[in-house]
Amino acid sequence: MSKVVRIQEDAIDIALSYGPSISEGIRAMEARLKRAERNQTDTEAIRMVIREELESFGRY
């Protein structure tokens, strides 16, 4: 399915820098955003585990 939408010219250039077509560029940007979000979540989880371990060592 396709739709006709109006976007600004600079947005076209940005999307095309991520893929061969505007649609592929948008999909690539979404994938990168999801990966970055997941990596941030992993980093926060690691920090939480380290913090808990350090606190448990402090109790001894």
PDB file of N, CA and C in Angstrom:
ATOM      1  N   MET A   1       0.841  -1.166   0.000  1.00  0.00           N
ATOM      2  CA  MET A   1       0.000   0.000   0.000  1.00  0.00           C
ATOM      3  C   MET A   1       0.895   1.241   0.000  1.00  0.00           C
ATOM      4  N   SER A   2       0.504   2.237  -0.713  1.00  0.00           N
ATOM      5  CA  SER A   2       1.278   3.470  -0.740  1.00  0.00           C
ATOM      6  C   SER A   2       0.345   4.663  -0.587  1.00  0.00           C
ATOM      7  N   LYS A   3       0.910   5.754  -0.097  1.00  0.00           N
ATOM      8  CA  LYS A   3       0.163   6.991   0.099  1.00  0.00           C
ATOM      9  C   LYS A   3       0.992   8.146  -0.431  1.00  0.00           C
ATOM     10  N   VAL A   4       0.311   9.170  -0.824  1.00  0.00           N
ATOM     11  CA  VAL A   4       0.988  10.383  -1.248  1.00  0.00           C
ATOM     12  C   VAL A   4       0.994  11.338  -0.067  1.00  0.00           C
ATOM     13  N   VAL A   5       2.182  11.781   0.325  1.00  0.00           N
ATOM     14  CA  VAL A   5       2.312  12.719   1.441  1.00  0.00           C
ATOM     15  C   VAL A   5       3.258  13.840   1.025  1.00  0.00           C
ATOM     16  N   ARG A   6       3.142  14.952   1.685  1.00  0.00           N
ATOM     17  CA  ARG A   6       4.048  16.067   1.440  1.00  0.00           C
ATOM     18  C   ARG A   6       5.045  16.148   2.579  1.00  0.00           C
ATOM     19  N   ILE A   7       6.307  16.188   2.207  1.00  0.00           N
ATOM     20  CA  ILE A   7       7.350  16.358   3.212  1.00  0.00           C
ATOM     21  C   ILE A   7       8.310  17.437   2.734  1.00  0.00           C
ATOM     22  N   GLN A   8       9.013  18.016   3.652  1.00  0.00           N
ATOM     23  CA  GLN A   8       9.952  19.073   3.308  1.00  0.00           C
ATOM     24  C   GLN A   8      11.161  18.492   2.584  1.00  0.00           C
ATOM     25  N   GLU A   9      11.777  19.326   1.751  1.00  0.00           N
ATOM     26  CA  GLU A   9      12.893  18.854   0.937  1.00  0.00           C
ATOM     27  C   GLU A   9      14.069  18.370   1.775  1.00  0.00           C
ATOM     28  N   ASP A  10      14.337  19.041   2.892  1.00  0.00           N
ATOM     29  CA  ASP A  10      15.454  18.588   3.722  1.00  0.00           C
ATOM     30  C   ASP A  10      15.167  17.220   4.330  1.00  0.00           C
ATOM     31  N   ALA A  11      13.893  16.915   4.587  1.00  0.00           N
ATOM     32  CA  ALA A  11      13.533  15.600   5.109  1.00  0.00           C
ATOM     33  C   ALA A  11      13.758  14.525   4.049  1.00  0.00           C
ATOM     34  N   ILE A  12      13.527  14.872   2.797  1.00  0.00           N
ATOM     35  CA  ILE A  12      13.795  13.927   1.707  1.00  0.00           C
ATOM     36  C   ILE A  12      15.285  13.595   1.676  1.00  0.00           C
ATOM     37  N   ASP A  13      16.111  14.626   1.754  1.00  0.00           N
ATOM     38  CA  ASP A  13      17.565  14.412   1.733  1.00  0.00           C
ATOM     39  C   ASP A  13      18.017  13.546   2.900  1.00  0.00           C
ATOM     40  N   ILE A  14      17.446  13.788   4.065  1.00  0.00           N
ATOM     41  CA  ILE A  14      17.810  12.997   5.250  1.00  0.00           C
ATOM     42  C   ILE A  14      17.412  11.540   5.056  1.00  0.00           C
ATOM     43  N   ALA A  15      16.182  11.302   4.599  1.00  0.00           N
ATOM     44  CA  ALA A  15      15.712   9.930   4.392  1.00  0.00           C
ATOM     45  C   ALA A  15      16.562   9.214   3.345  1.00  0.00           C
ATOM     46  N   LEU A  16      16.912   9.923   2.281  1.00  0.00           N
ATOM     47  CA  LEU A  16      17.719   9.298   1.226  1.00  0.00           C
ATOM     48  C   LEU A  16      19.151   9.026   1.670  1.00  0.00           C
ATOM     49  N   SER A  17      19.600   9.713   2.715  1.00  0.00           N
ATOM     50  CA  SER A  17      20.940   9.422   3.224  1.00  0.00           C
ATOM     51  C   SER A  17      20.968   8.104   4.002  1.00  0.00           C
ATOM     52  N   TYR A  18      19.802   7.598   4.384  1.00  0.00           N
ATOM     53  CA  TYR A  18      19.711   6.339   5.125  1.00  0.00           C
ATOM     54  C   TYR A  18      19.355   5.145   4.244  1.00  0.00           C
ATOM     55  N   GLY A  19      18.864   5.399   3.034  1.00  0.00           N
ATOM     56  CA  GLY A  19      18.476   4.302   2.161  1.00  0.00           C
ATOM     57  C   GLY A  19      18.272   4.769   0.738  1.00  0.00           C
ATOM     58  N   PRO A  20      18.111   3.809  -0.190  1.00  0.00           N
ATOM     59  CA  PRO A  20      17.987   4.156  -1.605  1.00  0.00           C
ATOM     60  C   PRO A  20      16.667   4.845  -1.967  1.00  0.00           C
ATOM     61  N   SER A  21      15.660   4.688  -1.136  1.00  0.00           N
ATOM     62  CA  SER A  21      14.378   5.361  -1.366  1.00  0.00           C
ATOM     63  C   SER A  21      13.931   5.996  -0.057  1.00  0.00           C
ATOM     64  N   ILE A  22      12.951   6.853  -0.144  1.00  0.00           N
ATOM     65  CA  ILE A  22      12.461   7.515   1.072  1.00  0.00           C
ATOM     66  C   ILE A  22      11.897   6.483   2.042  1.00  0.00           C
ATOM     67  N   SER A  23      11.135   5.531   1.519  1.00  0.00           N
ATOM     68  CA  SER A  23      10.543   4.500   2.385  1.00  0.00           C
ATOM     69  C   SER A  23      11.614   3.669   3.080  1.00  0.00           C
ATOM     70  N   GLU A  24      12.622   3.248   2.324  1.00  0.00           N
ATOM     71  CA  GLU A  24      13.702   2.458   2.921  1.00  0.00           C
ATOM     72  C   GLU A  24      14.493   3.283   3.924  1.00  0.00           C
ATOM     73  N   GLY A  25      14.684   4.560   3.639  1.00  0.00           N
ATOM     74  CA  GLY A  25      15.383   5.437   4.572  1.00  0.00           C
ATOM     75  C   GLY A  25      14.639   5.577   5.881  1.00  0.00           C
ATOM     76  N   ILE A  26      13.325   5.715   5.801  1.00  0.00           N
ATOM     77  CA  ILE A  26      12.507   5.822   7.015  1.00  0.00           C
ATOM     78  C   ILE A  26      12.573   4.524   7.811  1.00  0.00           C
ATOM     79  N   ARG A  27      12.503   3.395   7.122  1.00  0.00           N
ATOM     80  CA  ARG A  27      12.602   2.098   7.818  1.00  0.00           C
ATOM     81  C   ARG A  27      13.965   1.934   8.494  1.00  0.00           C
ATOM     82  N   ALA A  28      15.017   2.363   7.805  1.00  0.00           N
ATOM     83  CA  ALA A  28      16.364   2.266   8.379  1.00  0.00           C
ATOM     84  C   ALA A  28      16.489   3.159   9.611  1.00  0.00           C
ATOM     85  N   MET A  29      15.919   4.361   9.540  1.00  0.00           N
ATOM     86  CA  MET A  29      15.956   5.258  10.702  1.00  0.00           C
ATOM     87  C   MET A  29      15.208   4.648  11.879  1.00  0.00           C
ATOM     88  N   GLU A  30      14.051   4.045  11.609  1.00  0.00           N
ATOM     89  CA  GLU A  30      13.283   3.417  12.685  1.00  0.00           C
ATOM     90  C   GLU A  30      14.073   2.278  13.319  1.00  0.00           C
ATOM     91  N   ALA A  31      14.723   1.468  12.499  1.00  0.00           N
ATOM     92  CA  ALA A  31      15.520   0.355  13.024  1.00  0.00           C
ATOM     93  C   ALA A  31      16.656   0.868  13.898  1.00  0.00           C
ATOM     94  N   ARG A  32      17.319   1.935  13.468  1.00  0.00           N
ATOM     95  CA  ARG A  32      18.403   2.502  14.273  1.00  0.00           C
ATOM     96  C   ARG A  32      17.885   3.062  15.587  1.00  0.00           C
ATOM     97  N   LEU A  33      16.740   3.715  15.558  1.00  0.00           N
ATOM     98  CA  LEU A  33      16.165   4.251  16.796  1.00  0.00           C
ATOM     99  C   LEU A  33      15.822   3.133  17.771  1.00  0.00           C
ATOM    100  N   LYS A  34      15.233   2.052  17.268  1.00  0.00           N
ATOM    101  CA  LYS A  34      14.891   0.922  18.134  1.00  0.00           C
ATOM    102  C   LYS A  34      16.144   0.287  18.724  1.00  0.00           C
ATOM    103  N   ARG A  35      17.188   0.134  17.894  1.00  0.00           N
ATOM    104  CA  ARG A  35      18.444  -0.433  18.379  1.00  0.00           C
ATOM    105  C   ARG A  35      19.060   0.449  19.450  1.00  0.00           C
ATOM    106  N   ALA A  36      19.043   1.748  19.221  1.00  0.00           N
ATOM    107  CA  ALA A  36      19.609   2.683  20.198  1.00  0.00           C
ATOM    108  C   ALA A  36      18.824   2.631  21.499  1.00  0.00           C
ATOM    109  N   GLU A  37      17.497   2.526  21.399  1.00  0.00           N
ATOM    110  CA  GLU A  37      16.659   2.447  22.599  1.00  0.00           C
ATOM    111  C   GLU A  37      16.946   1.167  23.364  1.00  0.00           C
ATOM    112  N   ARG A  38      17.091   0.067  22.632  1.00  0.00           N
ATOM    113  CA  ARG A  38      17.374  -1.220  23.277  1.00  0.00           C
ATOM    114  C   ARG A  38      18.744  -1.188  23.945  1.00  0.00           C
ATOM    115  N   ASN A  39      19.731  -0.591  23.288  1.00  0.00           N
ATOM    116  CA  ASN A  39      21.070  -0.492  23.869  1.00  0.00           C
ATOM    117  C   ASN A  39      21.048   0.352  25.130  1.00  0.00           C
ATOM    118  N   GLN A  40      20.258   1.422  25.125  1.00  0.00           N
ATOM    119  CA  GLN A  40      20.158   2.262  26.312  1.00  0.00           C
ATOM    120  C   GLN A  40      19.525   1.469  27.447  1.00  0.00           C
ATOM    121  N   THR A  41      18.510   0.676  27.150  1.00  0.00           N
ATOM    122  CA  THR A  41      17.865  -0.148  28.165  1.00  0.00           C
ATOM    123  C   THR A  41      18.862  -1.147  28.736  1.00  0.00           C
ATOM    124  N   ASP A  42      19.656  -1.764  27.871  1.00  0.00           N
ATOM    125  CA  ASP A  42      20.664  -2.713  28.336  1.00  0.00           C
ATOM    126  C   ASP A  42      21.667  -2.029  29.254  1.00  0.00           C
ATOM    127  N   THR A  43      22.080  -0.826  28.900  1.00  0.00           N
ATOM    128  CA  THR A  43      23.032  -0.084  29.719  1.00  0.00           C
ATOM    129  C   THR A  43      22.442   0.212  31.086  1.00  0.00           C
ATOM    130  N   GLU A  44      21.194   0.619  31.120  1.00  0.00           N
ATOM    131  CA  GLU A  44      20.540   0.903  32.396  1.00  0.00           C
ATOM    132  C   GLU A  44      20.410  -0.363  33.236  1.00  0.00           C
ATOM    133  N   ALA A  45      20.097  -1.482  32.612  1.00  0.00           N
ATOM    134  CA  ALA A  45      19.979  -2.742  33.348  1.00  0.00           C
ATOM    135  C   ALA A  45      21.330  -3.147  33.933  1.00  0.00           C
ATOM    136  N   ILE A  46      22.381  -2.982  33.169  1.00  0.00           N
ATOM    137  CA  ILE A  46      23.726  -3.314  33.658  1.00  0.00           C
ATOM    138  C   ILE A  46      24.101  -2.425  34.830  1.00  0.00           C
ATOM    139  N   ARG A  47      23.819  -1.144  34.727  1.00  0.00           N
ATOM    140  CA  ARG A  47      24.119  -0.225  35.828  1.00  0.00           C
ATOM    141  C   ARG A  47      23.365  -0.612  37.088  1.00  0.00           C
ATOM    142  N   MET A  48      22.113  -1.007  36.938  1.00  0.00           N
ATOM    143  CA  MET A  48      21.311  -1.377  38.093  1.00  0.00           C
ATOM    144  C   MET A  48      21.893  -2.617  38.778  1.00  0.00           C
ATOM    145  N   VAL A  49      22.298  -3.606  37.991  1.00  0.00           N
ATOM    146  CA  VAL A  49      22.868  -4.828  38.559  1.00  0.00           C
ATOM    147  C   VAL A  49      24.177  -4.524  39.276  1.00  0.00           C
ATOM    148  N   ILE A  50      25.026  -3.718  38.660  1.00  0.00           N
ATOM    149  CA  ILE A  50      26.298  -3.356  39.296  1.00  0.00           C
ATOM    150  C   ILE A  50      26.049  -2.607  40.594  1.00  0.00           C
ATOM    151  N   ARG A  51      25.108  -1.676  40.569  1.00  0.00           N
ATOM    152  CA  ARG A  51      24.786  -0.904  41.775  1.00  0.00           C
ATOM    153  C   ARG A  51      24.311  -1.832  42.892  1.00  0.00           C
ATOM    154  N   GLU A  52      23.444  -2.793  42.555  1.00  0.00           N
ATOM    155  CA  GLU A  52      22.951  -3.737  43.560  1.00  0.00           C
ATOM    156  C   GLU A  52      24.083  -4.587  44.127  1.00  0.00           C
ATOM    157  N   GLU A  53      24.982  -5.030  43.264  1.00  0.00           N
ATOM    158  CA  GLU A  53      26.107  -5.842  43.730  1.00  0.00           C
ATOM    159  C   GLU A  53      27.021  -5.037  44.649  1.00  0.00           C
ATOM    160  N   LEU A  54      27.301  -3.802  44.284  1.00  0.00           N
ATOM    161  CA  LEU A  54      28.148  -2.961  45.133  1.00  0.00           C
ATOM    162  C   LEU A  54      27.495  -2.704  46.485  1.00  0.00           C
ATOM    163  N   GLU A  55      26.188  -2.508  46.487  1.00  0.00           N
ATOM    164  CA  GLU A  55      25.481  -2.306  47.752  1.00  0.00           C
ATOM    165  C   GLU A  55      25.533  -3.562  48.607  1.00  0.00           C
ATOM    166  N   SER A  56      25.440  -4.732  47.974  1.00  0.00           N
ATOM    167  CA  SER A  56      25.492  -5.974  48.749  1.00  0.00           C
ATOM    168  C   SER A  56      26.883  -6.185  49.346  1.00  0.00           C
ATOM    169  N   PHE A  57      27.938  -5.770  48.651  1.00  0.00           N
ATOM    170  CA  PHE A  57      29.286  -5.865  49.206  1.00  0.00           C
ATOM    171  C   PHE A  57      29.454  -4.923  50.390  1.00  0.00           C
ATOM    172  N   GLY A  58      28.768  -3.814  50.373  1.00  0.00           N
ATOM    173  CA  GLY A  58      28.866  -2.839  51.456  1.00  0.00           C
ATOM    174  C   GLY A  58      28.256  -3.342  52.750  1.00  0.00           C
ATOM    175  N   ARG A  59      27.397  -4.339  52.670  1.00  0.00           N
ATOM    176  CA  ARG A  59      26.733  -4.876  53.867  1.00  0.00           C
ATOM    177  C   ARG A  59      27.626  -5.825  54.652  1.00  0.00           C
ATOM    178  N   TYR A  60      28.700  -6.311  54.049  1.00  0.00           N
ATOM    179  CA  TYR A  60      29.570  -7.280  54.735  1.00  0.00           C
ATOM    180  C   TYR A  60      30.534  -6.626  55.665  1.00  0.00           C
TER     181      TYR A  60
END
